[in-house]
Amino acid sequence: MSRHYGELRMPVVIVTGDQDQIVSPKENAYRLKEGIPQAQLVVLKGAGHEIPLTRPDGVYSALKRISAAAIDIASNAAL
């Protein structure tokens, strides 16, 4: 499936914690960002693996940003 990541045309946000010891950000989030050129990468400093539980504010902020980007794309497409 990863070979198709570059074909994604919708807004994508990747949220990772810089202290994640279960899923290495460098092996996963950064690699995923490279595979999805239009994706936004949000690295939460001091966050580990359970980001939605430990940093819901960071997740909310990232989702809010990507939602705004999706609305802008939809608005421009409607013009």
C-alpha atoms as a PDB file:
ATOM      1  CA  MET A   1       0.000   0.000   0.000  1.00  0.00           C
ATOM      2  CA  SER A   2       2.848   2.415   0.736  1.00  0.00           C
ATOM      3  CA  ARG A   3       3.700   2.578  -2.940  1.00  0.00           C
ATOM      4  CA  HIS A   4       0.415   4.463  -3.427  1.00  0.00           C
ATOM      5  CA  TYR A   5       1.019   7.142  -0.795  1.00  0.00           C
ATOM      6  CA  GLY A   6       2.320   9.579  -3.380  1.00  0.00           C
ATOM      7  CA  GLU A   7      -1.003   9.332  -5.216  1.00  0.00           C
ATOM      8  CA  LEU A   8      -2.954  10.845  -2.331  1.00  0.00           C
ATOM      9  CA  ARG A   9      -4.479  14.175  -3.324  1.00  0.00           C
ATOM     10  CA  MET A  10      -6.246  15.169  -0.126  1.00  0.00           C
ATOM     11  CA  PRO A  11      -4.803  17.100   2.800  1.00  0.00           C
ATOM     12  CA  VAL A  12      -2.842  14.839   5.136  1.00  0.00           C
ATOM     13  CA  VAL A  13      -1.403  15.596   8.546  1.00  0.00           C
ATOM     14  CA  ILE A  14       1.061  13.286  10.263  1.00  0.00           C
ATOM     15  CA  VAL A  15       1.367  13.770  14.003  1.00  0.00           C
ATOM     16  CA  THR A  16       4.220  12.194  15.921  1.00  0.00           C
ATOM     17  CA  GLY A  17       5.962  12.638  19.219  1.00  0.00           C
ATOM     18  CA  ASP A  18       9.698  13.214  19.277  1.00  0.00           C
ATOM     19  CA  GLN A  19      10.002  10.919  22.306  1.00  0.00           C
ATOM     20  CA  ASP A  20       8.062   7.960  20.869  1.00  0.00           C
ATOM     21  CA  GLN A  21       9.999   4.837  21.826  1.00  0.00           C
ATOM     22  CA  ILE A  22       7.500   2.380  20.322  1.00  0.00           C
ATOM     23  CA  VAL A  23       7.261   3.728  16.771  1.00  0.00           C
ATOM     24  CA  SER A  24      10.363   5.652  15.757  1.00  0.00           C
ATOM     25  CA  PRO A  25       9.415   9.016  14.217  1.00  0.00           C
ATOM     26  CA  LYS A  26      12.422   8.884  11.901  1.00  0.00           C
ATOM     27  CA  GLU A  27      11.542   5.425  10.631  1.00  0.00           C
ATOM     28  CA  ASN A  28       7.851   6.147  10.214  1.00  0.00           C
ATOM     29  CA  ALA A  29       6.543   9.721  10.333  1.00  0.00           C
ATOM     30  CA  TYR A  30       9.436  11.294   8.440  1.00  0.00           C
ATOM     31  CA  ARG A  31       9.435   8.490   5.874  1.00  0.00           C
ATOM     32  CA  LEU A  32       5.678   8.809   5.470  1.00  0.00           C
ATOM     33  CA  LYS A  33       6.070  12.566   4.935  1.00  0.00           C
ATOM     34  CA  GLU A  34       8.575  11.887   2.164  1.00  0.00           C
ATOM     35  CA  GLY A  35       6.075   9.545   0.503  1.00  0.00           C
ATOM     36  CA  ILE A  36       3.216  12.050   0.663  1.00  0.00           C
ATOM     37  CA  PRO A  37       4.649  15.310  -0.691  1.00  0.00           C
ATOM     38  CA  GLN A  38       1.695  17.538   0.256  1.00  0.00           C
ATOM     39  CA  ALA A  39       1.457  16.141   3.801  1.00  0.00           C
ATOM     40  CA  GLN A  40       2.124  18.288   6.830  1.00  0.00           C
ATOM     41  CA  LEU A  41       4.299  16.796   9.551  1.00  0.00           C
ATOM     42  CA  VAL A  42       3.676  17.895  13.131  1.00  0.00           C
ATOM     43  CA  VAL A  43       6.283  16.792  15.666  1.00  0.00           C
ATOM     44  CA  LEU A  44       5.160  17.310  19.249  1.00  0.00           C
ATOM     45  CA  LYS A  45       8.131  17.943  21.490  1.00  0.00           C
ATOM     46  CA  GLY A  46       8.237  15.782  24.595  1.00  0.00           C
ATOM     47  CA  ALA A  47       5.388  13.560  23.400  1.00  0.00           C
ATOM     48  CA  GLY A  48       5.639   9.802  23.346  1.00  0.00           C
ATOM     49  CA  HIS A  49       3.513   7.156  21.680  1.00  0.00           C
ATOM     50  CA  GLU A  50       0.022   7.787  23.060  1.00  0.00           C
ATOM     51  CA  ILE A  51      -0.355  11.279  21.637  1.00  0.00           C
ATOM     52  CA  PRO A  52      -4.174  11.495  21.687  1.00  0.00           C
ATOM     53  CA  LEU A  53      -4.130  10.636  25.387  1.00  0.00           C
ATOM     54  CA  THR A  54      -1.136  12.681  26.485  1.00  0.00           C
ATOM     55  CA  ARG A  55      -1.298  15.626  24.066  1.00  0.00           C
ATOM     56  CA  PRO A  56      -4.895  16.028  22.895  1.00  0.00           C
ATOM     57  CA  ASP A  57      -4.211  19.744  22.423  1.00  0.00           C
ATOM     58  CA  GLY A  58      -1.533  18.980  19.839  1.00  0.00           C
ATOM     59  CA  VAL A  59      -3.754  16.517  17.994  1.00  0.00           C
ATOM     60  CA  TYR A  60      -6.646  18.983  18.007  1.00  0.00           C
ATOM     61  CA  SER A  61      -4.423  21.748  16.669  1.00  0.00           C
ATOM     62  CA  ALA A  62      -3.117  19.522  13.860  1.00  0.00           C
ATOM     63  CA  LEU A  63      -6.629  18.403  12.905  1.00  0.00           C
ATOM     64  CA  LYS A  64      -7.887  21.972  12.969  1.00  0.00           C
ATOM     65  CA  ARG A  65      -5.064  23.033  10.636  1.00  0.00           C
ATOM     66  CA  ILE A  66      -5.672  20.210   8.167  1.00  0.00           C
ATOM     67  CA  SER A  67      -9.435  20.811   8.259  1.00  0.00           C
ATOM     68  CA  ALA A  68      -8.850  24.441   7.318  1.00  0.00           C
ATOM     69  CA  ALA A  69      -6.638  23.318   4.439  1.00  0.00           C
ATOM     70  CA  ALA A  70      -9.340  20.921   3.218  1.00  0.00           C
ATOM     71  CA  ILE A  71     -11.953  23.690   3.341  1.00  0.00           C
ATOM     72  CA  ASP A  72      -9.662  25.996   1.339  1.00  0.00           C
ATOM     73  CA  ILE A  73      -9.132  23.309  -1.303  1.00  0.00           C
ATOM     74  CA  ALA A  74     -12.858  22.640  -1.553  1.00  0.00           C
ATOM     75  CA  SER A  75     -13.645  26.350  -1.785  1.00  0.00           C
ATOM     76  CA  ASN A  76     -11.096  26.900  -4.537  1.00  0.00           C
ATOM     77  CA  ALA A  77     -12.348  23.876  -6.459  1.00  0.00           C
ATOM     78  CA  ALA A  78     -15.873  25.271  -6.367  1.00  0.00           C
ATOM     79  CA  LEU A  79     -14.788  28.535  -8.045  1.00  0.00           C
END
